[in-house]
N, C-alpha and C. Protein backbone atom coordinates (compact mmCIF):
# COMPACT_ATOMS: atom_id res chain seq x y z
N GLN A 1 0.82 -1.20 0.00
CA GLN A 1 0.00 0.00 0.00
C GLN A 1 0.86 1.25 0.00
N VAL A 2 0.26 2.34 -0.47
CA VAL A 2 0.94 3.63 -0.54
C VAL A 2 0.07 4.67 0.14
N GLN A 3 0.68 5.54 0.90
CA GLN A 3 -0.04 6.63 1.54
C GLN A 3 0.55 7.96 1.08
N LEU A 4 -0.34 8.92 0.85
CA LEU A 4 0.05 10.30 0.57
C LEU A 4 -0.49 11.16 1.70
N VAL A 5 0.38 11.95 2.29
CA VAL A 5 -0.02 12.81 3.40
C VAL A 5 0.31 14.25 3.06
N GLU A 6 -0.73 15.10 3.05
CA GLU A 6 -0.55 16.52 2.79
C GLU A 6 -0.43 17.27 4.11
N SER A 7 0.24 18.40 4.07
CA SER A 7 0.33 19.28 5.22
C SER A 7 0.56 20.70 4.74
N GLY A 8 0.35 21.67 5.66
CA GLY A 8 0.65 23.05 5.34
C GLY A 8 -0.55 23.93 5.08
N GLY A 9 -1.74 23.36 5.09
CA GLY A 9 -2.93 24.19 4.88
C GLY A 9 -3.21 25.07 6.08
N GLY A 10 -4.19 25.97 5.91
CA GLY A 10 -4.57 26.84 7.01
C GLY A 10 -5.34 28.04 6.53
N LEU A 11 -5.46 29.01 7.43
CA LEU A 11 -6.16 30.26 7.15
C LEU A 11 -5.15 31.35 6.83
N VAL A 12 -5.38 32.06 5.75
CA VAL A 12 -4.46 33.13 5.34
C VAL A 12 -5.27 34.28 4.77
N GLN A 13 -4.76 35.48 4.92
CA GLN A 13 -5.43 36.66 4.39
C GLN A 13 -5.19 36.79 2.88
N PRO A 14 -6.09 37.46 2.17
CA PRO A 14 -5.86 37.69 0.75
C PRO A 14 -4.52 38.38 0.52
N GLY A 15 -3.80 37.91 -0.50
CA GLY A 15 -2.48 38.42 -0.79
C GLY A 15 -1.37 37.67 -0.08
N GLY A 16 -1.73 36.79 0.84
CA GLY A 16 -0.74 36.03 1.60
C GLY A 16 -0.24 34.81 0.86
N SER A 17 0.61 34.04 1.55
CA SER A 17 1.24 32.86 0.96
C SER A 17 1.11 31.66 1.88
N LEU A 18 1.12 30.49 1.27
CA LEU A 18 1.17 29.23 1.99
C LEU A 18 1.99 28.26 1.17
N ARG A 19 2.58 27.28 1.86
CA ARG A 19 3.32 26.22 1.18
C ARG A 19 2.78 24.88 1.62
N LEU A 20 2.28 24.13 0.66
CA LEU A 20 1.77 22.80 0.94
C LEU A 20 2.84 21.75 0.66
N SER A 21 2.82 20.69 1.45
CA SER A 21 3.73 19.56 1.24
C SER A 21 2.94 18.28 1.09
N CYS A 22 3.50 17.36 0.32
CA CYS A 22 2.89 16.04 0.14
C CYS A 22 4.01 15.01 0.22
N ALA A 23 3.87 14.07 1.16
CA ALA A 23 4.88 13.03 1.32
C ALA A 23 4.25 11.67 1.05
N ALA A 24 4.90 10.91 0.18
CA ALA A 24 4.43 9.57 -0.16
C ALA A 24 5.27 8.53 0.57
N SER A 25 4.62 7.48 1.05
CA SER A 25 5.32 6.41 1.75
C SER A 25 4.63 5.08 1.46
N GLY A 26 5.35 3.99 1.74
CA GLY A 26 4.78 2.66 1.52
C GLY A 26 5.57 1.88 0.51
N ASN A 27 4.88 1.00 -0.22
CA ASN A 27 5.52 0.11 -1.18
C ASN A 27 5.76 0.84 -2.51
N ILE A 28 6.76 1.69 -2.52
CA ILE A 28 7.03 2.54 -3.68
C ILE A 28 8.28 2.08 -4.40
N PHE A 29 8.16 1.75 -5.69
CA PHE A 29 9.33 1.51 -6.53
C PHE A 29 9.76 2.81 -7.18
N SER A 30 8.77 3.53 -7.71
CA SER A 30 9.05 4.84 -8.30
C SER A 30 7.75 5.62 -8.38
N ILE A 31 7.88 6.92 -8.52
CA ILE A 31 6.72 7.80 -8.68
C ILE A 31 6.84 8.52 -9.99
N ASN A 32 5.82 8.44 -10.80
CA ASN A 32 5.81 9.16 -12.08
C ASN A 32 5.28 10.56 -11.81
N ILE A 33 4.20 10.93 -12.43
CA ILE A 33 3.70 12.29 -12.28
C ILE A 33 3.10 12.48 -10.88
N MET A 34 3.31 13.67 -10.32
CA MET A 34 2.66 14.08 -9.07
C MET A 34 1.88 15.35 -9.36
N GLY A 35 0.80 15.53 -8.62
CA GLY A 35 -0.02 16.69 -8.90
C GLY A 35 -0.80 17.17 -7.71
N TRP A 36 -1.31 18.37 -7.85
CA TRP A 36 -2.17 18.99 -6.86
C TRP A 36 -3.51 19.32 -7.52
N TYR A 37 -4.57 18.99 -6.84
CA TYR A 37 -5.93 19.30 -7.28
C TYR A 37 -6.65 19.95 -6.11
N ARG A 38 -7.73 20.64 -6.41
CA ARG A 38 -8.49 21.25 -5.33
C ARG A 38 -9.99 21.13 -5.59
N GLN A 39 -10.74 21.12 -4.51
CA GLN A 39 -12.19 21.06 -4.58
C GLN A 39 -12.75 22.19 -3.74
N ALA A 40 -13.38 23.14 -4.41
CA ALA A 40 -13.92 24.31 -3.73
C ALA A 40 -15.26 23.97 -3.07
N PRO A 41 -15.65 24.76 -2.08
CA PRO A 41 -16.93 24.51 -1.39
C PRO A 41 -18.09 24.53 -2.38
N GLY A 42 -18.96 23.54 -2.25
CA GLY A 42 -20.15 23.48 -3.10
C GLY A 42 -19.91 22.92 -4.48
N LYS A 43 -18.68 22.59 -4.81
CA LYS A 43 -18.38 22.04 -6.14
C LYS A 43 -18.11 20.54 -6.02
N GLN A 44 -18.58 19.81 -6.99
CA GLN A 44 -18.45 18.36 -6.93
C GLN A 44 -17.17 17.86 -7.57
N GLN A 45 -16.62 18.63 -8.51
CA GLN A 45 -15.44 18.16 -9.22
C GLN A 45 -14.17 18.80 -8.68
N ARG A 46 -13.11 18.04 -8.74
CA ARG A 46 -11.80 18.57 -8.37
C ARG A 46 -11.18 19.25 -9.59
N GLU A 47 -10.52 20.36 -9.31
CA GLU A 47 -9.90 21.18 -10.36
C GLU A 47 -8.39 20.97 -10.36
N LEU A 48 -7.81 20.87 -11.53
CA LEU A 48 -6.36 20.78 -11.63
C LEU A 48 -5.71 22.06 -11.14
N VAL A 49 -4.72 21.91 -10.27
CA VAL A 49 -3.93 23.05 -9.83
C VAL A 49 -2.58 23.02 -10.54
N ALA A 50 -1.86 21.90 -10.38
CA ALA A 50 -0.55 21.79 -11.01
C ALA A 50 -0.11 20.33 -11.03
N THR A 51 0.70 19.99 -12.02
CA THR A 51 1.33 18.68 -12.07
C THR A 51 2.81 18.84 -12.36
N ILE A 52 3.59 17.81 -11.98
CA ILE A 52 5.03 17.85 -12.21
C ILE A 52 5.52 16.43 -12.46
N THR A 53 6.36 16.28 -13.49
CA THR A 53 6.92 14.98 -13.83
C THR A 53 8.24 14.77 -13.08
N PRO A 54 8.80 13.56 -13.12
CA PRO A 54 10.09 13.31 -12.44
C PRO A 54 11.22 14.19 -12.97
N SER A 55 11.09 14.64 -14.20
CA SER A 55 12.12 15.51 -14.79
C SER A 55 11.77 16.98 -14.63
N ASP A 56 10.79 17.27 -13.74
CA ASP A 56 10.41 18.65 -13.41
C ASP A 56 9.69 19.39 -14.54
N ARG A 57 9.05 18.66 -15.42
CA ARG A 57 8.18 19.31 -16.40
C ARG A 57 6.87 19.63 -15.68
N VAL A 58 6.44 20.89 -15.75
CA VAL A 58 5.28 21.33 -14.96
C VAL A 58 4.14 21.77 -15.86
N ASN A 59 2.95 21.74 -15.26
CA ASN A 59 1.74 22.20 -15.93
C ASN A 59 0.85 22.82 -14.86
N TYR A 60 0.24 23.96 -15.18
CA TYR A 60 -0.58 24.67 -14.21
C TYR A 60 -1.99 24.88 -14.74
N GLY A 61 -2.95 24.91 -13.81
CA GLY A 61 -4.28 25.32 -14.16
C GLY A 61 -4.31 26.80 -14.48
N ASN A 62 -5.24 27.22 -15.31
CA ASN A 62 -5.28 28.62 -15.76
C ASN A 62 -5.45 29.60 -14.60
N SER A 63 -6.18 29.20 -13.59
CA SER A 63 -6.50 30.13 -12.51
C SER A 63 -5.34 30.36 -11.54
N VAL A 64 -4.29 29.53 -11.61
CA VAL A 64 -3.19 29.68 -10.65
C VAL A 64 -1.86 30.01 -11.32
N ALA A 65 -1.80 29.93 -12.63
CA ALA A 65 -0.54 30.19 -13.34
C ALA A 65 -0.02 31.58 -13.01
N GLY A 66 1.27 31.62 -12.68
CA GLY A 66 1.90 32.87 -12.32
C GLY A 66 1.87 33.19 -10.83
N ARG A 67 1.04 32.47 -10.08
CA ARG A 67 0.96 32.69 -8.63
C ARG A 67 1.43 31.48 -7.84
N PHE A 68 1.22 30.30 -8.37
CA PHE A 68 1.59 29.07 -7.67
C PHE A 68 2.81 28.44 -8.36
N THR A 69 3.63 27.75 -7.56
CA THR A 69 4.79 27.04 -8.09
C THR A 69 4.83 25.63 -7.49
N VAL A 70 4.88 24.64 -8.36
CA VAL A 70 4.97 23.25 -7.91
C VAL A 70 6.41 22.78 -8.03
N SER A 71 6.83 21.95 -7.08
CA SER A 71 8.17 21.38 -7.11
C SER A 71 8.11 19.99 -6.48
N ARG A 72 9.22 19.25 -6.59
CA ARG A 72 9.26 17.93 -6.00
C ARG A 72 10.68 17.57 -5.61
N ASP A 73 10.78 16.63 -4.69
CA ASP A 73 12.06 16.08 -4.27
C ASP A 73 11.96 14.58 -4.46
N ASN A 74 12.53 14.07 -5.54
CA ASN A 74 12.39 12.65 -5.87
C ASN A 74 13.01 11.75 -4.80
N ALA A 75 14.08 12.20 -4.19
CA ALA A 75 14.74 11.40 -3.15
C ALA A 75 13.87 11.22 -1.92
N LYS A 76 12.98 12.19 -1.70
CA LYS A 76 12.10 12.15 -0.52
C LYS A 76 10.68 11.73 -0.88
N ASN A 77 10.44 11.39 -2.14
CA ASN A 77 9.09 11.03 -2.59
C ASN A 77 8.07 12.10 -2.19
N SER A 78 8.44 13.34 -2.40
CA SER A 78 7.62 14.45 -1.94
C SER A 78 7.37 15.47 -3.04
N ALA A 79 6.26 16.19 -2.88
CA ALA A 79 5.94 17.29 -3.77
C ALA A 79 5.51 18.48 -2.93
N TYR A 80 5.65 19.66 -3.51
CA TYR A 80 5.35 20.88 -2.78
C TYR A 80 4.55 21.83 -3.67
N LEU A 81 3.78 22.71 -3.03
CA LEU A 81 3.05 23.71 -3.77
C LEU A 81 3.20 25.04 -3.04
N GLN A 82 3.96 25.93 -3.62
CA GLN A 82 4.11 27.28 -3.08
C GLN A 82 3.02 28.15 -3.68
N MET A 83 2.20 28.71 -2.81
CA MET A 83 1.05 29.51 -3.25
C MET A 83 1.25 30.95 -2.80
N ASN A 84 1.34 31.85 -3.73
CA ASN A 84 1.53 33.27 -3.45
C ASN A 84 0.35 34.07 -3.94
N ASN A 85 0.22 35.28 -3.40
CA ASN A 85 -0.87 36.18 -3.80
C ASN A 85 -2.21 35.44 -3.79
N LEU A 86 -2.49 34.82 -2.67
CA LEU A 86 -3.71 34.03 -2.56
C LEU A 86 -4.96 34.89 -2.60
N LYS A 87 -6.01 34.36 -3.19
CA LYS A 87 -7.28 35.07 -3.35
C LYS A 87 -8.39 34.27 -2.66
N PRO A 88 -9.48 34.91 -2.30
CA PRO A 88 -10.58 34.17 -1.67
C PRO A 88 -11.07 32.99 -2.52
N GLU A 89 -11.00 33.12 -3.83
CA GLU A 89 -11.45 32.04 -4.69
C GLU A 89 -10.50 30.84 -4.71
N ASP A 90 -9.35 30.97 -4.06
CA ASP A 90 -8.45 29.83 -3.90
C ASP A 90 -8.87 28.94 -2.73
N THR A 91 -9.86 29.38 -1.97
CA THR A 91 -10.34 28.58 -0.85
C THR A 91 -10.87 27.24 -1.34
N ALA A 92 -10.32 26.16 -0.77
CA ALA A 92 -10.67 24.82 -1.22
C ALA A 92 -9.94 23.80 -0.35
N VAL A 93 -10.33 22.55 -0.53
CA VAL A 93 -9.52 21.45 0.00
C VAL A 93 -8.54 21.06 -1.10
N TYR A 94 -7.26 21.03 -0.76
CA TYR A 94 -6.22 20.71 -1.73
C TYR A 94 -5.77 19.26 -1.54
N TYR A 95 -5.75 18.54 -2.65
CA TYR A 95 -5.40 17.13 -2.63
C TYR A 95 -4.13 16.87 -3.42
N CYS A 96 -3.29 16.01 -2.88
CA CYS A 96 -2.12 15.54 -3.59
C CYS A 96 -2.48 14.25 -4.33
N ASN A 97 -1.89 14.09 -5.51
CA ASN A 97 -2.15 12.92 -6.35
C ASN A 97 -0.81 12.44 -6.90
N ALA A 98 -0.65 11.12 -6.99
CA ALA A 98 0.60 10.60 -7.52
C ALA A 98 0.37 9.29 -8.27
N LEU A 99 1.10 9.13 -9.36
CA LEU A 99 1.08 7.87 -10.11
C LEU A 99 2.29 7.07 -9.65
N VAL A 100 2.02 5.99 -8.91
CA VAL A 100 3.06 5.24 -8.21
C VAL A 100 3.21 3.85 -8.81
N ARG A 101 4.48 3.45 -8.98
CA ARG A 101 4.77 2.07 -9.36
C ARG A 101 5.10 1.29 -8.10
N SER A 102 4.33 0.23 -7.88
CA SER A 102 4.48 -0.55 -6.65
C SER A 102 5.80 -1.33 -6.64
N SER A 103 6.42 -1.37 -5.46
CA SER A 103 7.65 -2.15 -5.30
C SER A 103 7.38 -3.63 -5.17
N THR A 104 6.11 -4.00 -4.94
CA THR A 104 5.77 -5.42 -4.77
C THR A 104 5.18 -6.02 -6.04
N THR A 105 4.32 -5.27 -6.72
CA THR A 105 3.65 -5.81 -7.92
C THR A 105 4.21 -5.25 -9.22
N GLN A 106 4.95 -4.13 -9.15
CA GLN A 106 5.46 -3.41 -10.32
C GLN A 106 4.35 -2.77 -11.15
N ASN A 107 3.13 -2.79 -10.63
CA ASN A 107 2.02 -2.15 -11.33
C ASN A 107 1.95 -0.67 -10.97
N TYR A 108 1.37 0.12 -11.90
CA TYR A 108 1.16 1.54 -11.67
C TYR A 108 -0.25 1.75 -11.16
N ARG A 109 -0.38 2.74 -10.26
CA ARG A 109 -1.71 3.08 -9.75
C ARG A 109 -1.68 4.51 -9.26
N TYR A 110 -2.81 5.23 -9.43
CA TYR A 110 -2.94 6.58 -8.89
C TYR A 110 -3.37 6.50 -7.42
N TYR A 111 -2.77 7.36 -6.61
CA TYR A 111 -3.15 7.49 -5.21
C TYR A 111 -3.51 8.94 -4.91
N TRP A 112 -4.39 9.11 -3.92
CA TRP A 112 -4.80 10.43 -3.46
C TRP A 112 -4.49 10.57 -1.97
N GLY A 113 -4.16 11.79 -1.57
CA GLY A 113 -4.05 12.10 -0.16
C GLY A 113 -5.42 12.40 0.42
N GLN A 114 -5.45 12.70 1.71
CA GLN A 114 -6.72 12.93 2.40
C GLN A 114 -7.18 14.38 2.25
N GLY A 115 -6.30 15.24 1.78
CA GLY A 115 -6.65 16.64 1.57
C GLY A 115 -6.27 17.53 2.73
N THR A 116 -5.99 18.78 2.43
CA THR A 116 -5.70 19.78 3.44
C THR A 116 -6.48 21.06 3.09
N GLN A 117 -7.10 21.65 4.10
CA GLN A 117 -7.97 22.82 3.88
C GLN A 117 -7.13 24.09 3.76
N VAL A 118 -7.43 24.87 2.74
CA VAL A 118 -6.85 26.20 2.57
C VAL A 118 -8.01 27.19 2.54
N THR A 119 -7.97 28.15 3.44
CA THR A 119 -9.01 29.17 3.51
C THR A 119 -8.37 30.55 3.38
N VAL A 120 -8.84 31.31 2.41
CA VAL A 120 -8.32 32.65 2.17
C VAL A 120 -9.43 33.64 2.51
N SER A 121 -9.22 34.36 3.59
CA SER A 121 -10.27 35.27 4.06
C SER A 121 -9.66 36.33 4.95
N SER A 122 -10.28 37.52 4.91
CA SER A 122 -9.83 38.60 5.80
C SER A 122 -10.66 38.61 7.07
């Protein structure tokens, strides 16, 4: 089994910054793409925030490009999301996602973290 644990969420004022972390552990042979998604209050679908490949190729959602920066540390099986100039519309539960190759079965599977709440409010 593989677990993803997010941390770093909280309450921040508009214009402020937060840094989210995601740590993967368990039966990991390798991790392919890692990503951040969010689900805003009252919305049923999760929105793409950012993704990053093992070679640091990144992709951002339109609403966060230029304000958020995704990074990863392959040695630590971790990903990070630096969020700057936060806006009230960034309020959401943020989820980490990873495509993991199992060390026991060699199969690939997507995993999700439990989510961390980010609230942007004055």
